[in-house]
Protein backbone atom coordinates (compact mmCIF):
# COMPACT_ATOMS: atom_id res chain seq x y z
CA UNK A 1 0.00 0.00 0.00
CA UNK A 2 2.77 2.45 0.95
CA UNK A 3 4.45 1.91 -2.42
CA UNK A 4 1.26 2.94 -4.18
CA UNK A 5 0.88 6.08 -2.07
CA UNK A 6 4.58 6.88 -2.57
CA UNK A 7 3.97 7.15 -6.32
CA UNK A 8 1.87 10.24 -5.70
CA UNK A 9 4.58 12.09 -3.79
CA UNK A 10 6.16 13.27 -7.04
CA UNK A 11 2.76 14.50 -8.23
CA UNK A 12 2.40 16.43 -4.97
CA UNK A 13 5.85 17.97 -5.38
CA UNK A 14 5.13 18.95 -8.98
CA UNK A 15 2.06 20.95 -7.89
CA UNK A 16 4.15 22.71 -5.24
CA UNK A 17 6.84 23.58 -7.81
CA UNK A 18 4.29 24.78 -10.34
CA UNK A 19 2.30 26.85 -7.82
CA UNK A 20 4.91 27.49 -5.10
CA UNK A 21 2.97 29.90 -2.89
CA UNK A 22 -0.57 28.86 -3.72
CA UNK A 23 -0.89 25.10 -3.43
CA UNK A 24 -0.77 22.56 -0.62
CA UNK A 25 -1.09 18.85 -1.42
CA UNK A 26 -2.04 16.30 1.23
CA UNK A 27 -2.01 12.52 0.77
CA UNK A 28 -4.26 10.69 3.23
CA UNK A 29 -4.04 7.02 4.19
CA UNK A 30 -7.70 5.99 4.18
CA UNK A 31 -7.03 2.65 5.89
CA UNK A 32 -5.56 4.40 8.91
CA UNK A 33 -7.39 7.72 8.47
CA UNK A 34 -4.11 9.59 8.91
CA UNK A 35 -2.05 12.04 6.87
CA UNK A 36 0.57 10.04 4.98
CA UNK A 37 2.39 12.89 3.21
CA UNK A 38 2.04 16.64 2.90
CA UNK A 39 3.72 19.09 0.55
CA UNK A 40 3.92 22.85 1.17
CA UNK A 41 1.79 22.65 4.33
CA UNK A 42 -0.06 25.84 5.18
CA UNK A 43 -3.07 24.40 7.00
CA UNK A 44 -1.27 23.61 10.29
CA UNK A 45 -1.23 19.84 9.73
CA UNK A 46 1.60 17.33 9.84
CA UNK A 47 2.36 13.80 8.70
CA UNK A 48 0.77 11.33 11.11
CA UNK A 49 -2.05 13.68 12.15
CA UNK A 50 -5.59 12.33 12.14
CA UNK A 51 -7.08 12.98 8.70
CA UNK A 52 -10.46 13.82 10.23
CA UNK A 53 -12.13 12.42 7.13
CA UNK A 54 -15.68 11.11 7.13
CA UNK A 55 -14.71 7.74 5.68
CA UNK A 56 -18.29 6.50 5.53
CA UNK A 57 -19.59 9.39 3.43
CA UNK A 58 -16.73 10.36 1.13
CA UNK A 59 -17.70 7.61 -1.34
CA UNK A 60 -21.08 9.27 -1.88
CA UNK A 61 -19.33 12.49 -2.92
CA UNK A 62 -16.98 10.81 -5.42
CA UNK A 63 -17.88 11.21 -9.09
CA UNK A 64 -17.29 8.69 -11.88
CA UNK A 65 -13.74 9.97 -12.44
CA UNK A 66 -12.76 9.25 -8.84
CA UNK A 67 -12.73 12.95 -7.96
CA UNK A 68 -14.37 14.91 -5.17
CA UNK A 69 -14.99 18.58 -5.90
CA UNK A 70 -13.84 21.17 -6.63
CA UNK A 71 -15.21 22.65 -3.41
CA UNK A 72 -14.42 25.69 -1.28
CA UNK A 73 -13.32 25.57 2.33
CA UNK A 74 -11.73 27.93 4.85
CA UNK A 75 -8.27 27.86 6.40
CA UNK A 76 -8.05 28.48 10.17
CA UNK A 77 -6.80 32.03 9.44
CA UNK A 78 -9.97 32.74 7.47
CA UNK A 79 -8.35 32.54 4.04
CA UNK A 80 -10.36 30.83 1.34
CA UNK A 81 -9.20 27.60 -0.34
CA UNK A 82 -10.41 25.85 -3.47
CA UNK A 83 -9.93 22.10 -3.10
CA UNK A 84 -10.04 19.01 -5.27
CA UNK A 85 -9.57 15.44 -4.03
CA UNK A 86 -8.48 12.36 -5.96
CA UNK A 87 -9.25 8.85 -4.73
CA UNK A 88 -6.23 6.50 -4.87
CA UNK A 89 -7.00 2.80 -5.42
CA UNK A 90 -4.81 -0.26 -5.02
CA UNK A 91 -4.42 -2.92 -7.71
CA UNK A 92 -7.65 -4.58 -6.58
CA UNK A 93 -9.64 -1.37 -6.94
CA UNK A 94 -9.91 -0.74 -3.20
CA UNK A 95 -9.72 2.89 -2.11
CA UNK A 96 -6.61 3.23 0.06
CA UNK A 97 -5.73 6.88 -0.22
CA UNK A 98 -6.94 10.36 -0.98
CA UNK A 99 -4.83 13.12 -2.52
CA UNK A 100 -6.22 16.57 -1.71
CA UNK A 101 -5.05 19.65 -3.61
CA UNK A 102 -5.74 22.90 -1.77
CA UNK A 103 -5.21 26.22 -3.56
CA UNK A 104 -5.31 29.65 -1.96
CA UNK A 105 -7.77 31.76 -3.95
CA UNK A 106 -8.17 34.89 -1.79
CA UNK A 107 -5.33 36.64 -3.60
CA UNK A 108 -6.58 35.47 -6.98
CA UNK A 109 -10.08 36.77 -6.26
CA UNK A 110 -8.67 40.11 -5.14
CA UNK A 111 -6.48 40.34 -8.25
CA UNK A 112 -9.50 39.49 -10.41
CA UNK A 113 -11.51 42.30 -8.81
CA UNK A 114 -8.67 44.77 -9.34
CA UNK A 115 -8.27 43.74 -12.99
CA UNK A 116 -12.02 43.97 -13.59
CA UNK A 117 -12.07 47.41 -12.01
CA UNK A 118 -9.10 48.50 -14.11
CA UNK A 119 -10.73 47.28 -17.32
CA UNK A 120 -14.22 48.66 -16.71
CA UNK A 121 -13.71 51.76 -14.56
CA UNK A 122 -14.64 54.98 -16.31
CA UNK A 123 -15.26 53.37 -19.71
CA UNK A 124 -18.18 54.73 -21.72
CA UNK A 125 -19.72 52.49 -24.36
CA UNK A 126 -20.27 55.31 -26.85
CA UNK A 127 -17.53 57.88 -26.54
CA UNK A 128 -18.29 61.07 -28.54
CA UNK A 129 -14.67 61.44 -29.57
CA UNK A 130 -14.79 58.05 -31.32
CA UNK A 131 -18.30 58.11 -32.80
CA UNK A 132 -17.06 59.08 -36.27
CA UNK A 133 -13.94 56.91 -36.20
CA UNK A 134 -14.73 54.23 -38.80
CA UNK A 135 -11.54 52.36 -37.86
CA UNK A 136 -12.73 51.93 -34.27
CA UNK A 137 -16.14 50.88 -35.55
CA UNK A 138 -14.47 48.38 -37.89
CA UNK A 139 -12.46 46.90 -35.04
CA UNK A 140 -15.58 46.53 -32.90
CA UNK A 141 -17.53 44.83 -35.69
CA UNK A 142 -14.69 42.41 -36.45
CA UNK A 143 -14.28 41.55 -32.76
CA UNK A 144 -18.04 41.13 -32.27
CA UNK A 145 -18.39 38.87 -35.32
CA UNK A 146 -15.44 36.71 -34.27
CA UNK A 147 -16.89 36.39 -30.77
CA UNK A 148 -20.31 35.38 -32.10
CA UNK A 149 -18.73 32.76 -34.35
CA UNK A 150 -16.38 31.61 -31.55
CA UNK A 151 -13.27 31.77 -33.73
CA UNK A 152 -9.92 33.56 -33.46
CA UNK A 153 -8.85 35.92 -36.22
CA UNK A 154 -5.83 33.74 -36.97
CA UNK A 155 -8.13 30.73 -37.58
CA UNK A 156 -10.70 32.45 -39.79
CA UNK A 157 -12.06 30.51 -42.74
CA UNK A 158 -13.74 31.87 -45.84
CA UNK A 159 -17.19 31.66 -44.26
CA UNK A 160 -16.00 33.66 -41.25
CA UNK A 161 -14.47 36.38 -43.43
CA UNK A 162 -17.68 36.55 -45.46
CA UNK A 163 -19.69 37.21 -42.30
CA UNK A 164 -17.21 39.89 -41.19
CA UNK A 165 -17.31 41.68 -44.53
CA UNK A 166 -21.10 41.40 -44.63
CA UNK A 167 -21.34 43.02 -41.20
CA UNK A 168 -18.94 45.78 -42.26
CA UNK A 169 -20.83 46.33 -45.50
CA UNK A 170 -24.14 46.54 -43.62
CA UNK A 171 -22.58 49.19 -41.40
CA UNK A 172 -21.51 51.12 -44.53
CA UNK A 173 -17.88 50.99 -43.52
CA UNK A 174 -16.73 50.72 -47.12
CA UNK A 175 -18.09 54.18 -47.91
CA UNK A 176 -15.13 55.57 -45.99
CA UNK A 177 -11.93 56.33 -47.85
CA UNK A 178 -9.15 53.81 -47.13
CA UNK A 179 -11.50 51.31 -45.47
CA UNK A 180 -10.86 48.56 -48.02
CA UNK A 181 -7.12 48.68 -47.44
CA UNK A 182 -7.61 48.76 -43.68
CA UNK A 183 -9.89 45.70 -43.65
CA UNK A 184 -7.57 43.85 -46.05
CA UNK A 185 -4.69 44.29 -43.63
CA UNK A 186 -6.83 43.55 -40.57
CA UNK A 187 -8.01 40.24 -42.02
CA UNK A 188 -4.56 39.45 -43.46
CA UNK A 189 -5.89 38.71 -46.93
CA UNK A 190 -4.96 39.91 -50.42
CA UNK A 191 -6.84 42.73 -52.14
CA UNK A 192 -8.04 40.25 -54.75
CA UNK A 193 -9.48 37.98 -52.05
CA UNK A 194 -11.12 40.95 -50.34
CA UNK A 195 -12.87 42.18 -53.47
CA UNK A 196 -13.98 38.64 -54.31
CA UNK A 197 -15.55 38.29 -50.85
CA UNK A 198 -17.14 41.74 -51.10
CA UNK A 199 -18.61 40.80 -54.48
CA UNK A 200 -20.18 37.66 -53.01
CA UNK A 201 -21.65 39.73 -50.16
CA UNK A 202 -23.16 42.32 -52.48
CA UNK A 203 -24.57 39.68 -54.81
CA UNK A 204 -26.28 37.91 -51.95
C-alpha atoms as a PDB file:
ATOM      1  CA  UNK A   1       0.000   0.000   0.000  1.00  0.00           C
ATOM      2  CA  UNK A   2       2.768   2.448   0.948  1.00  0.00           C
ATOM      3  CA  UNK A   3       4.447   1.914  -2.421  1.00  0.00           C
ATOM      4  CA  UNK A   4       1.256   2.939  -4.180  1.00  0.00           C
ATOM      5  CA  UNK A   5       0.883   6.084  -2.070  1.00  0.00           C
ATOM      6  CA  UNK A   6       4.575   6.883  -2.575  1.00  0.00           C
ATOM      7  CA  UNK A   7       3.970   7.150  -6.317  1.00  0.00           C
ATOM      8  CA  UNK A   8       1.867  10.237  -5.696  1.00  0.00           C
ATOM      9  CA  UNK A   9       4.580  12.086  -3.788  1.00  0.00           C
ATOM     10  CA  UNK A  10       6.156  13.269  -7.043  1.00  0.00           C
ATOM     11  CA  UNK A  11       2.763  14.502  -8.225  1.00  0.00           C
ATOM     12  CA  UNK A  12       2.401  16.429  -4.971  1.00  0.00           C
ATOM     13  CA  UNK A  13       5.851  17.971  -5.379  1.00  0.00           C
ATOM     14  CA  UNK A  14       5.125  18.954  -8.978  1.00  0.00           C
ATOM     15  CA  UNK A  15       2.060  20.946  -7.887  1.00  0.00           C
ATOM     16  CA  UNK A  16       4.154  22.713  -5.241  1.00  0.00           C
ATOM     17  CA  UNK A  17       6.842  23.577  -7.809  1.00  0.00           C
ATOM     18  CA  UNK A  18       4.290  24.782 -10.342  1.00  0.00           C
ATOM     19  CA  UNK A  19       2.300  26.852  -7.823  1.00  0.00           C
ATOM     20  CA  UNK A  20       4.914  27.493  -5.099  1.00  0.00           C
ATOM     21  CA  UNK A  21       2.971  29.901  -2.886  1.00  0.00           C
ATOM     22  CA  UNK A  22      -0.567  28.859  -3.717  1.00  0.00           C
ATOM     23  CA  UNK A  23      -0.894  25.100  -3.427  1.00  0.00           C
ATOM     24  CA  UNK A  24      -0.768  22.560  -0.624  1.00  0.00           C
ATOM     25  CA  UNK A  25      -1.086  18.845  -1.417  1.00  0.00           C
ATOM     26  CA  UNK A  26      -2.035  16.300   1.231  1.00  0.00           C
ATOM     27  CA  UNK A  27      -2.013  12.524   0.771  1.00  0.00           C
ATOM     28  CA  UNK A  28      -4.264  10.686   3.228  1.00  0.00           C
ATOM     29  CA  UNK A  29      -4.039   7.020   4.193  1.00  0.00           C
ATOM     30  CA  UNK A  30      -7.696   5.985   4.182  1.00  0.00           C
ATOM     31  CA  UNK A  31      -7.034   2.649   5.891  1.00  0.00           C
ATOM     32  CA  UNK A  32      -5.556   4.398   8.910  1.00  0.00           C
ATOM     33  CA  UNK A  33      -7.389   7.723   8.469  1.00  0.00           C
ATOM     34  CA  UNK A  34      -4.111   9.595   8.909  1.00  0.00           C
ATOM     35  CA  UNK A  35      -2.054  12.037   6.873  1.00  0.00           C
ATOM     36  CA  UNK A  36       0.571  10.037   4.980  1.00  0.00           C
ATOM     37  CA  UNK A  37       2.385  12.888   3.212  1.00  0.00           C
ATOM     38  CA  UNK A  38       2.045  16.644   2.902  1.00  0.00           C
ATOM     39  CA  UNK A  39       3.716  19.092   0.551  1.00  0.00           C
ATOM     40  CA  UNK A  40       3.918  22.847   1.171  1.00  0.00           C
ATOM     41  CA  UNK A  41       1.788  22.653   4.325  1.00  0.00           C
ATOM     42  CA  UNK A  42      -0.057  25.835   5.177  1.00  0.00           C
ATOM     43  CA  UNK A  43      -3.075  24.402   7.003  1.00  0.00           C
ATOM     44  CA  UNK A  44      -1.272  23.614  10.290  1.00  0.00           C
ATOM     45  CA  UNK A  45      -1.232  19.841   9.728  1.00  0.00           C
ATOM     46  CA  UNK A  46       1.603  17.327   9.840  1.00  0.00           C
ATOM     47  CA  UNK A  47       2.362  13.795   8.696  1.00  0.00           C
ATOM     48  CA  UNK A  48       0.769  11.335  11.112  1.00  0.00           C
ATOM     49  CA  UNK A  49      -2.050  13.678  12.153  1.00  0.00           C
ATOM     50  CA  UNK A  50      -5.590  12.327  12.141  1.00  0.00           C
ATOM     51  CA  UNK A  51      -7.076  12.978   8.703  1.00  0.00           C
ATOM     52  CA  UNK A  52     -10.460  13.818  10.231  1.00  0.00           C
ATOM     53  CA  UNK A  53     -12.132  12.417   7.126  1.00  0.00           C
ATOM     54  CA  UNK A  54     -15.681  11.112   7.128  1.00  0.00           C
ATOM     55  CA  UNK A  55     -14.715   7.742   5.675  1.00  0.00           C
ATOM     56  CA  UNK A  56     -18.293   6.495   5.526  1.00  0.00           C
ATOM     57  CA  UNK A  57     -19.586   9.393   3.430  1.00  0.00           C
ATOM     58  CA  UNK A  58     -16.730  10.361   1.127  1.00  0.00           C
ATOM     59  CA  UNK A  59     -17.702   7.610  -1.345  1.00  0.00           C
ATOM     60  CA  UNK A  60     -21.082   9.272  -1.883  1.00  0.00           C
ATOM     61  CA  UNK A  61     -19.334  12.492  -2.924  1.00  0.00           C
ATOM     62  CA  UNK A  62     -16.983  10.811  -5.415  1.00  0.00           C
ATOM     63  CA  UNK A  63     -17.876  11.209  -9.093  1.00  0.00           C
ATOM     64  CA  UNK A  64     -17.287   8.687 -11.877  1.00  0.00           C
ATOM     65  CA  UNK A  65     -13.738   9.966 -12.438  1.00  0.00           C
ATOM     66  CA  UNK A  66     -12.765   9.250  -8.840  1.00  0.00           C
ATOM     67  CA  UNK A  67     -12.732  12.953  -7.964  1.00  0.00           C
ATOM     68  CA  UNK A  68     -14.371  14.909  -5.172  1.00  0.00           C
ATOM     69  CA  UNK A  69     -14.992  18.579  -5.899  1.00  0.00           C
ATOM     70  CA  UNK A  70     -13.838  21.171  -6.634  1.00  0.00           C
ATOM     71  CA  UNK A  71     -15.214  22.655  -3.410  1.00  0.00           C
ATOM     72  CA  UNK A  72     -14.422  25.690  -1.284  1.00  0.00           C
ATOM     73  CA  UNK A  73     -13.317  25.572   2.334  1.00  0.00           C
ATOM     74  CA  UNK A  74     -11.730  27.934   4.846  1.00  0.00           C
ATOM     75  CA  UNK A  75      -8.275  27.861   6.401  1.00  0.00           C
ATOM     76  CA  UNK A  76      -8.047  28.484  10.168  1.00  0.00           C
ATOM     77  CA  UNK A  77      -6.797  32.026   9.444  1.00  0.00           C
ATOM     78  CA  UNK A  78      -9.968  32.735   7.475  1.00  0.00           C
ATOM     79  CA  UNK A  79      -8.354  32.535   4.039  1.00  0.00           C
ATOM     80  CA  UNK A  80     -10.363  30.827   1.336  1.00  0.00           C
ATOM     81  CA  UNK A  81      -9.203  27.596  -0.339  1.00  0.00           C
ATOM     82  CA  UNK A  82     -10.413  25.848  -3.466  1.00  0.00           C
ATOM     83  CA  UNK A  83      -9.932  22.105  -3.097  1.00  0.00           C
ATOM     84  CA  UNK A  84     -10.040  19.005  -5.267  1.00  0.00           C
ATOM     85  CA  UNK A  85      -9.569  15.439  -4.029  1.00  0.00           C
ATOM     86  CA  UNK A  86      -8.475  12.355  -5.963  1.00  0.00           C
ATOM     87  CA  UNK A  87      -9.248   8.851  -4.735  1.00  0.00           C
ATOM     88  CA  UNK A  88      -6.225   6.496  -4.868  1.00  0.00           C
ATOM     89  CA  UNK A  89      -7.003   2.803  -5.424  1.00  0.00           C
ATOM     90  CA  UNK A  90      -4.815  -0.261  -5.022  1.00  0.00           C
ATOM     91  CA  UNK A  91      -4.417  -2.924  -7.711  1.00  0.00           C
ATOM     92  CA  UNK A  92      -7.646  -4.583  -6.578  1.00  0.00           C
ATOM     93  CA  UNK A  93      -9.635  -1.366  -6.944  1.00  0.00           C
ATOM     94  CA  UNK A  94      -9.910  -0.745  -3.201  1.00  0.00           C
ATOM     95  CA  UNK A  95      -9.716   2.891  -2.115  1.00  0.00           C
ATOM     96  CA  UNK A  96      -6.613   3.226   0.058  1.00  0.00           C
ATOM     97  CA  UNK A  97      -5.731   6.881  -0.216  1.00  0.00           C
ATOM     98  CA  UNK A  98      -6.940  10.358  -0.983  1.00  0.00           C
ATOM     99  CA  UNK A  99      -4.829  13.122  -2.519  1.00  0.00           C
ATOM    100  CA  UNK A 100      -6.223  16.566  -1.711  1.00  0.00           C
ATOM    101  CA  UNK A 101      -5.049  19.651  -3.606  1.00  0.00           C
ATOM    102  CA  UNK A 102      -5.739  22.902  -1.768  1.00  0.00           C
ATOM    103  CA  UNK A 103      -5.214  26.220  -3.556  1.00  0.00           C
ATOM    104  CA  UNK A 104      -5.311  29.648  -1.961  1.00  0.00           C
ATOM    105  CA  UNK A 105      -7.774  31.763  -3.945  1.00  0.00           C
ATOM    106  CA  UNK A 106      -8.169  34.894  -1.786  1.00  0.00           C
ATOM    107  CA  UNK A 107      -5.329  36.639  -3.599  1.00  0.00           C
ATOM    108  CA  UNK A 108      -6.576  35.465  -6.983  1.00  0.00           C
ATOM    109  CA  UNK A 109     -10.079  36.765  -6.258  1.00  0.00           C
ATOM    110  CA  UNK A 110      -8.666  40.107  -5.139  1.00  0.00           C
ATOM    111  CA  UNK A 111      -6.481  40.339  -8.252  1.00  0.00           C
ATOM    112  CA  UNK A 112      -9.497  39.492 -10.413  1.00  0.00           C
ATOM    113  CA  UNK A 113     -11.508  42.302  -8.814  1.00  0.00           C
ATOM    114  CA  UNK A 114      -8.670  44.769  -9.342  1.00  0.00           C
ATOM    115  CA  UNK A 115      -8.269  43.739 -12.986  1.00  0.00           C
ATOM    116  CA  UNK A 116     -12.018  43.974 -13.594  1.00  0.00           C
ATOM    117  CA  UNK A 117     -12.071  47.411 -12.006  1.00  0.00           C
ATOM    118  CA  UNK A 118      -9.105  48.502 -14.107  1.00  0.00           C
ATOM    119  CA  UNK A 119     -10.727  47.282 -17.321  1.00  0.00           C
ATOM    120  CA  UNK A 120     -14.220  48.658 -16.712  1.00  0.00           C
ATOM    121  CA  UNK A 121     -13.710  51.756 -14.559  1.00  0.00           C
ATOM    122  CA  UNK A 122     -14.639  54.976 -16.309  1.00  0.00           C
ATOM    123  CA  UNK A 123     -15.258  53.374 -19.708  1.00  0.00           C
ATOM    124  CA  UNK A 124     -18.181  54.734 -21.719  1.00  0.00           C
ATOM    125  CA  UNK A 125     -19.721  52.495 -24.356  1.00  0.00           C
ATOM    126  CA  UNK A 126     -20.267  55.314 -26.854  1.00  0.00           C
ATOM    127  CA  UNK A 127     -17.534  57.885 -26.545  1.00  0.00           C
ATOM    128  CA  UNK A 128     -18.294  61.066 -28.536  1.00  0.00           C
ATOM    129  CA  UNK A 129     -14.670  61.435 -29.566  1.00  0.00           C
ATOM    130  CA  UNK A 130     -14.791  58.054 -31.319  1.00  0.00           C
ATOM    131  CA  UNK A 131     -18.298  58.108 -32.797  1.00  0.00           C
ATOM    132  CA  UNK A 132     -17.058  59.082 -36.267  1.00  0.00           C
ATOM    133  CA  UNK A 133     -13.935  56.910 -36.200  1.00  0.00           C
ATOM    134  CA  UNK A 134     -14.726  54.228 -38.796  1.00  0.00           C
ATOM    135  CA  UNK A 135     -11.543  52.361 -37.862  1.00  0.00           C
ATOM    136  CA  UNK A 136     -12.728  51.927 -34.269  1.00  0.00           C
ATOM    137  CA  UNK A 137     -16.137  50.876 -35.554  1.00  0.00           C
ATOM    138  CA  UNK A 138     -14.471  48.383 -37.892  1.00  0.00           C
ATOM    139  CA  UNK A 139     -12.463  46.896 -35.040  1.00  0.00           C
ATOM    140  CA  UNK A 140     -15.582  46.528 -32.901  1.00  0.00           C
ATOM    141  CA  UNK A 141     -17.527  44.831 -35.695  1.00  0.00           C
ATOM    142  CA  UNK A 142     -14.692  42.407 -36.454  1.00  0.00           C
ATOM    143  CA  UNK A 143     -14.285  41.547 -32.764  1.00  0.00           C
ATOM    144  CA  UNK A 144     -18.038  41.134 -32.273  1.00  0.00           C
ATOM    145  CA  UNK A 145     -18.394  38.868 -35.320  1.00  0.00           C
ATOM    146  CA  UNK A 146     -15.440  36.707 -34.270  1.00  0.00           C
ATOM    147  CA  UNK A 147     -16.892  36.390 -30.766  1.00  0.00           C
ATOM    148  CA  UNK A 148     -20.306  35.382 -32.097  1.00  0.00           C
ATOM    149  CA  UNK A 149     -18.734  32.758 -34.355  1.00  0.00           C
ATOM    150  CA  UNK A 150     -16.376  31.608 -31.554  1.00  0.00           C
ATOM    151  CA  UNK A 151     -13.273  31.773 -33.729  1.00  0.00           C
ATOM    152  CA  UNK A 152      -9.923  33.564 -33.464  1.00  0.00           C
ATOM    153  CA  UNK A 153      -8.852  35.921 -36.225  1.00  0.00           C
ATOM    154  CA  UNK A 154      -5.829  33.738 -36.972  1.00  0.00           C
ATOM    155  CA  UNK A 155      -8.129  30.735 -37.582  1.00  0.00           C
ATOM    156  CA  UNK A 156     -10.697  32.448 -39.788  1.00  0.00           C
ATOM    157  CA  UNK A 157     -12.056  30.514 -42.738  1.00  0.00           C
ATOM    158  CA  UNK A 158     -13.743  31.868 -45.841  1.00  0.00           C
ATOM    159  CA  UNK A 159     -17.195  31.656 -44.255  1.00  0.00           C
ATOM    160  CA  UNK A 160     -15.997  33.661 -41.247  1.00  0.00           C
ATOM    161  CA  UNK A 161     -14.472  36.376 -43.434  1.00  0.00           C
ATOM    162  CA  UNK A 162     -17.677  36.549 -45.461  1.00  0.00           C
ATOM    163  CA  UNK A 163     -19.688  37.212 -42.303  1.00  0.00           C
ATOM    164  CA  UNK A 164     -17.214  39.889 -41.188  1.00  0.00           C
ATOM    165  CA  UNK A 165     -17.308  41.678 -44.527  1.00  0.00           C
ATOM    166  CA  UNK A 166     -21.098  41.397 -44.635  1.00  0.00           C
ATOM    167  CA  UNK A 167     -21.336  43.022 -41.201  1.00  0.00           C
ATOM    168  CA  UNK A 168     -18.935  45.783 -42.264  1.00  0.00           C
ATOM    169  CA  UNK A 169     -20.829  46.330 -45.502  1.00  0.00           C
ATOM    170  CA  UNK A 170     -24.136  46.538 -43.617  1.00  0.00           C
ATOM    171  CA  UNK A 171     -22.579  49.194 -41.397  1.00  0.00           C
ATOM    172  CA  UNK A 172     -21.515  51.119 -44.533  1.00  0.00           C
ATOM    173  CA  UNK A 173     -17.876  50.993 -43.521  1.00  0.00           C
ATOM    174  CA  UNK A 174     -16.731  50.723 -47.124  1.00  0.00           C
ATOM    175  CA  UNK A 175     -18.093  54.184 -47.913  1.00  0.00           C
ATOM    176  CA  UNK A 176     -15.128  55.575 -45.989  1.00  0.00           C
ATOM    177  CA  UNK A 177     -11.931  56.332 -47.850  1.00  0.00           C
ATOM    178  CA  UNK A 178      -9.153  53.808 -47.132  1.00  0.00           C
ATOM    179  CA  UNK A 179     -11.497  51.311 -45.471  1.00  0.00           C
ATOM    180  CA  UNK A 180     -10.863  48.559 -48.021  1.00  0.00           C
ATOM    181  CA  UNK A 181      -7.123  48.679 -47.445  1.00  0.00           C
ATOM    182  CA  UNK A 182      -7.613  48.763 -43.678  1.00  0.00           C
ATOM    183  CA  UNK A 183      -9.886  45.701 -43.655  1.00  0.00           C
ATOM    184  CA  UNK A 184      -7.575  43.847 -46.048  1.00  0.00           C
ATOM    185  CA  UNK A 185      -4.688  44.286 -43.625  1.00  0.00           C
ATOM    186  CA  UNK A 186      -6.827  43.554 -40.573  1.00  0.00           C
ATOM    187  CA  UNK A 187      -8.011  40.237 -42.019  1.00  0.00           C
ATOM    188  CA  UNK A 188      -4.559  39.453 -43.461  1.00  0.00           C
ATOM    189  CA  UNK A 189      -5.893  38.712 -46.932  1.00  0.00           C
ATOM    190  CA  UNK A 190      -4.962  39.913 -50.416  1.00  0.00           C
ATOM    191  CA  UNK A 191      -6.843  42.731 -52.143  1.00  0.00           C
ATOM    192  CA  UNK A 192      -8.042  40.245 -54.750  1.00  0.00           C
ATOM    193  CA  UNK A 193      -9.480  37.985 -52.047  1.00  0.00           C
ATOM    194  CA  UNK A 194     -11.116  40.949 -50.336  1.00  0.00           C
ATOM    195  CA  UNK A 195     -12.874  42.180 -53.473  1.00  0.00           C
ATOM    196  CA  UNK A 196     -13.983  38.639 -54.312  1.00  0.00           C
ATOM    197  CA  UNK A 197     -15.546  38.288 -50.852  1.00  0.00           C
ATOM    198  CA  UNK A 198     -17.145  41.737 -51.097  1.00  0.00           C
ATOM    199  CA  UNK A 199     -18.611  40.802 -54.484  1.00  0.00           C
ATOM    200  CA  UNK A 200     -20.185  37.664 -53.007  1.00  0.00           C
ATOM    201  CA  UNK A 201     -21.647  39.725 -50.157  1.00  0.00           C
ATOM    202  CA  UNK A 202     -23.156  42.323 -52.476  1.00  0.00           C
ATOM    203  CA  UNK A 203     -24.573  39.683 -54.814  1.00  0.00           C
ATOM    204  CA  UNK A 204     -26.278  37.909 -51.952  1.00  0.00           C
END
